[in-house]
């Protein structure tokens, strides 16, 4: 099954790195959607379906927390799993997103296997157990 992925971050380079990590992880991706802030992400979701959202917190125009609150208000979009990938490492920030219902929280800089691990927890193993799984260890982004 192919998954549609929405990556929300004001840094084009971070969006590219996250996209490459997902590709290297072996997930069958139908479409990648990108947005530079929460407002743009909402526009993307009005026209497209995403099976999972990976978003930053600190962005101009609309931050990730405000974006997530808007997603949660929508009866259909509220079922989309959200993973935060952010520099926000304070316990209060992490706890706030978890209470809201975020499915994952990864702090930057991150290791590729962290993204894969959280996505596997949410979407399931792309390769099953064994030798086919890629080795993503050894890099920080």
C-alpha atoms as a PDB file:
ATOM      1  CA  UNK A   1       0.000   0.000   0.000  1.00  0.00           C
ATOM      2  CA  UNK A   2       1.386   3.396  -0.961  1.00  0.00           C
ATOM      3  CA  UNK A   3       1.270   6.171   1.626  1.00  0.00           C
ATOM      4  CA  UNK A   4       0.854   9.867   0.904  1.00  0.00           C
ATOM      5  CA  UNK A   5       3.200  11.916   3.081  1.00  0.00           C
ATOM      6  CA  UNK A   6       2.945  15.607   3.990  1.00  0.00           C
ATOM      7  CA  UNK A   7       6.193  17.217   5.168  1.00  0.00           C
ATOM      8  CA  UNK A   8       5.789  20.649   6.784  1.00  0.00           C
ATOM      9  CA  UNK A   9       8.930  22.663   7.553  1.00  0.00           C
ATOM     10  CA  UNK A  10      10.062  26.166   6.668  1.00  0.00           C
ATOM     11  CA  UNK A  11      13.469  24.779   5.632  1.00  0.00           C
ATOM     12  CA  UNK A  12      13.508  23.298   2.110  1.00  0.00           C
ATOM     13  CA  UNK A  13      16.674  21.368   2.988  1.00  0.00           C
ATOM     14  CA  UNK A  14      15.016  19.701   6.008  1.00  0.00           C
ATOM     15  CA  UNK A  15      12.009  18.776   3.849  1.00  0.00           C
ATOM     16  CA  UNK A  16      14.389  17.187   1.336  1.00  0.00           C
ATOM     17  CA  UNK A  17      16.297  15.266   4.022  1.00  0.00           C
ATOM     18  CA  UNK A  18      13.075  13.925   5.577  1.00  0.00           C
ATOM     19  CA  UNK A  19      11.850  12.888   2.130  1.00  0.00           C
ATOM     20  CA  UNK A  20      15.121  11.051   1.412  1.00  0.00           C
ATOM     21  CA  UNK A  21      15.052   9.307   4.793  1.00  0.00           C
ATOM     22  CA  UNK A  22      11.522   8.049   4.135  1.00  0.00           C
ATOM     23  CA  UNK A  23      12.559   6.870   0.676  1.00  0.00           C
ATOM     24  CA  UNK A  24      15.636   5.096   2.089  1.00  0.00           C
ATOM     25  CA  UNK A  25      13.453   3.491   4.765  1.00  0.00           C
ATOM     26  CA  UNK A  26      11.600   1.525   2.126  1.00  0.00           C
ATOM     27  CA  UNK A  27       8.110   2.891   2.656  1.00  0.00           C
ATOM     28  CA  UNK A  28       5.953   2.737  -0.451  1.00  0.00           C
ATOM     29  CA  UNK A  29       5.094   6.393  -0.965  1.00  0.00           C
ATOM     30  CA  UNK A  30       2.377   7.370  -3.405  1.00  0.00           C
ATOM     31  CA  UNK A  31       2.913  11.124  -3.227  1.00  0.00           C
ATOM     32  CA  UNK A  32       4.996  13.529  -1.208  1.00  0.00           C
ATOM     33  CA  UNK A  33       3.413  16.860  -0.398  1.00  0.00           C
ATOM     34  CA  UNK A  34       5.365  19.754   1.064  1.00  0.00           C
ATOM     35  CA  UNK A  35       4.497  22.989   2.823  1.00  0.00           C
ATOM     36  CA  UNK A  36       6.626  25.740   4.374  1.00  0.00           C
ATOM     37  CA  UNK A  37       4.188  26.488   7.209  1.00  0.00           C
ATOM     38  CA  UNK A  38       0.936  25.372   8.774  1.00  0.00           C
ATOM     39  CA  UNK A  39      -1.252  27.638   6.660  1.00  0.00           C
ATOM     40  CA  UNK A  40       0.180  26.238   3.432  1.00  0.00           C
ATOM     41  CA  UNK A  41      -0.167  22.719   4.840  1.00  0.00           C
ATOM     42  CA  UNK A  42      -3.873  23.246   5.476  1.00  0.00           C
ATOM     43  CA  UNK A  43      -4.243  24.335   1.849  1.00  0.00           C
ATOM     44  CA  UNK A  44      -2.480  21.154   0.729  1.00  0.00           C
ATOM     45  CA  UNK A  45      -4.807  19.037   2.886  1.00  0.00           C
ATOM     46  CA  UNK A  46      -7.892  20.741   1.440  1.00  0.00           C
ATOM     47  CA  UNK A  47      -6.978  19.329  -1.988  1.00  0.00           C
ATOM     48  CA  UNK A  48      -5.036  16.156  -1.175  1.00  0.00           C
ATOM     49  CA  UNK A  49      -5.130  13.220   1.208  1.00  0.00           C
ATOM     50  CA  UNK A  50      -2.120  12.525   3.414  1.00  0.00           C
ATOM     51  CA  UNK A  51      -1.725   9.294   5.345  1.00  0.00           C
ATOM     52  CA  UNK A  52       0.870  10.808   7.670  1.00  0.00           C
ATOM     53  CA  UNK A  53       2.115  14.311   8.510  1.00  0.00           C
ATOM     54  CA  UNK A  54       5.647  15.187   9.632  1.00  0.00           C
ATOM     55  CA  UNK A  55       5.816  18.784  10.842  1.00  0.00           C
ATOM     56  CA  UNK A  56       8.125  21.263  12.501  1.00  0.00           C
ATOM     57  CA  UNK A  57       6.872  23.421  15.386  1.00  0.00           C
ATOM     58  CA  UNK A  58       8.706  26.697  14.792  1.00  0.00           C
ATOM     59  CA  UNK A  59       7.600  28.143  11.432  1.00  0.00           C
ATOM     60  CA  UNK A  60       6.484  31.567  10.209  1.00  0.00           C
ATOM     61  CA  UNK A  61       2.847  32.402   9.337  1.00  0.00           C
ATOM     62  CA  UNK A  62       1.377  29.402  11.232  1.00  0.00           C
ATOM     63  CA  UNK A  63       3.470  27.269  13.584  1.00  0.00           C
ATOM     64  CA  UNK A  64       3.171  23.509  13.937  1.00  0.00           C
ATOM     65  CA  UNK A  65       1.112  23.573  17.135  1.00  0.00           C
ATOM     66  CA  UNK A  66      -1.472  25.931  15.609  1.00  0.00           C
ATOM     67  CA  UNK A  67      -1.509  23.801  12.459  1.00  0.00           C
ATOM     68  CA  UNK A  68      -2.075  20.628  14.498  1.00  0.00           C
ATOM     69  CA  UNK A  69      -4.936  22.295  16.395  1.00  0.00           C
ATOM     70  CA  UNK A  70      -6.603  23.133  13.071  1.00  0.00           C
ATOM     71  CA  UNK A  71      -6.127  19.566  11.815  1.00  0.00           C
ATOM     72  CA  UNK A  72      -7.738  18.231  15.000  1.00  0.00           C
ATOM     73  CA  UNK A  73     -10.842  20.386  14.416  1.00  0.00           C
ATOM     74  CA  UNK A  74     -11.550  18.672  11.101  1.00  0.00           C
ATOM     75  CA  UNK A  75     -13.563  15.430  11.387  1.00  0.00           C
ATOM     76  CA  UNK A  76     -11.614  13.590   8.676  1.00  0.00           C
ATOM     77  CA  UNK A  77      -8.151  15.185   8.909  1.00  0.00           C
ATOM     78  CA  UNK A  78      -8.064  14.601  12.658  1.00  0.00           C
ATOM     79  CA  UNK A  79      -7.442  10.901  12.000  1.00  0.00           C
ATOM     80  CA  UNK A  80      -4.133  11.572  10.196  1.00  0.00           C
ATOM     81  CA  UNK A  81      -1.146  10.626  12.387  1.00  0.00           C
ATOM     82  CA  UNK A  82       1.131  13.607  13.115  1.00  0.00           C
ATOM     83  CA  UNK A  83       4.837  13.392  13.935  1.00  0.00           C
ATOM     84  CA  UNK A  84       6.690  16.476  15.144  1.00  0.00           C
ATOM     85  CA  UNK A  85      10.294  16.894  13.937  1.00  0.00           C
ATOM     86  CA  UNK A  86      11.629  19.993  15.647  1.00  0.00           C
ATOM     87  CA  UNK A  87      14.374  21.768  17.545  1.00  0.00           C
ATOM     88  CA  UNK A  88      11.917  22.205  20.442  1.00  0.00           C
ATOM     89  CA  UNK A  89      13.323  19.871  23.051  1.00  0.00           C
ATOM     90  CA  UNK A  90      11.707  21.231  26.217  1.00  0.00           C
ATOM     91  CA  UNK A  91       9.714  18.646  28.134  1.00  0.00           C
ATOM     92  CA  UNK A  92       6.713  21.017  28.192  1.00  0.00           C
ATOM     93  CA  UNK A  93       6.666  21.203  24.387  1.00  0.00           C
ATOM     94  CA  UNK A  94       6.905  17.457  24.023  1.00  0.00           C
ATOM     95  CA  UNK A  95       4.190  16.887  26.627  1.00  0.00           C
ATOM     96  CA  UNK A  96       1.885  19.456  24.988  1.00  0.00           C
ATOM     97  CA  UNK A  97       2.027  17.691  21.623  1.00  0.00           C
ATOM     98  CA  UNK A  98       1.495  14.279  23.205  1.00  0.00           C
ATOM     99  CA  UNK A  99      -1.554  15.519  25.131  1.00  0.00           C
ATOM    100  CA  UNK A 100      -2.924  16.879  21.857  1.00  0.00           C
ATOM    101  CA  UNK A 101      -2.546  13.437  20.292  1.00  0.00           C
ATOM    102  CA  UNK A 102       0.723  13.609  18.339  1.00  0.00           C
ATOM    103  CA  UNK A 103       1.896  10.132  17.433  1.00  0.00           C
ATOM    104  CA  UNK A 104       5.600  10.919  17.527  1.00  0.00           C
ATOM    105  CA  UNK A 105       8.173  13.525  18.497  1.00  0.00           C
ATOM    106  CA  UNK A 106      11.690  13.712  17.077  1.00  0.00           C
ATOM    107  CA  UNK A 107      14.177  16.433  18.018  1.00  0.00           C
ATOM    108  CA  UNK A 108      16.624  17.966  15.555  1.00  0.00           C
ATOM    109  CA  UNK A 109      19.316  17.067  14.856  1.00  0.00           C
ATOM    110  CA  UNK A 110      17.943  13.600  14.258  1.00  0.00           C
ATOM    111  CA  UNK A 111      19.247  10.276  13.083  1.00  0.00           C
ATOM    112  CA  UNK A 112      17.493   8.750  10.048  1.00  0.00           C
ATOM    113  CA  UNK A 113      16.616   5.617  11.996  1.00  0.00           C
ATOM    114  CA  UNK A 114      14.558   7.748  14.431  1.00  0.00           C
ATOM    115  CA  UNK A 115      12.167   8.770  11.651  1.00  0.00           C
ATOM    116  CA  UNK A 116      11.984   5.203  10.372  1.00  0.00           C
ATOM    117  CA  UNK A 117      11.317   3.846  13.881  1.00  0.00           C
ATOM    118  CA  UNK A 118       8.389   6.223  14.514  1.00  0.00           C
ATOM    119  CA  UNK A 119       6.923   5.593  11.058  1.00  0.00           C
ATOM    120  CA  UNK A 120       7.166   1.821  11.584  1.00  0.00           C
ATOM    121  CA  UNK A 121       5.313   2.212  14.901  1.00  0.00           C
ATOM    122  CA  UNK A 122       2.525   4.072  13.105  1.00  0.00           C
ATOM    123  CA  UNK A 123       2.386   2.531   9.621  1.00  0.00           C
ATOM    124  CA  UNK A 124       3.966  -0.872  10.150  1.00  0.00           C
ATOM    125  CA  UNK A 125       7.175  -2.433   8.897  1.00  0.00           C
ATOM    126  CA  UNK A 126       7.817  -1.729   5.201  1.00  0.00           C
ATOM    127  CA  UNK A 127      10.086  -4.754   4.752  1.00  0.00           C
ATOM    128  CA  UNK A 128       9.021  -7.095   7.490  1.00  0.00           C
ATOM    129  CA  UNK A 129      11.709  -8.360   9.799  1.00  0.00           C
ATOM    130  CA  UNK A 130      15.042  -9.341   8.362  1.00  0.00           C
ATOM    131  CA  UNK A 131      17.851  -8.524   6.009  1.00  0.00           C
ATOM    132  CA  UNK A 132      15.895  -6.392   3.522  1.00  0.00           C
ATOM    133  CA  UNK A 133      15.533  -3.525   5.970  1.00  0.00           C
ATOM    134  CA  UNK A 134      17.923  -0.667   5.157  1.00  0.00           C
ATOM    135  CA  UNK A 135      20.717   0.366   7.479  1.00  0.00           C
ATOM    136  CA  UNK A 136      20.132   4.038   8.280  1.00  0.00           C
ATOM    137  CA  UNK A 137      22.603   4.287  11.124  1.00  0.00           C
ATOM    138  CA  UNK A 138      25.585   6.588  11.155  1.00  0.00           C
ATOM    139  CA  UNK A 139      24.160   9.926  10.033  1.00  0.00           C
ATOM    140  CA  UNK A 140      22.708  12.910  11.820  1.00  0.00           C
ATOM    141  CA  UNK A 141      20.440  15.461  10.156  1.00  0.00           C
END
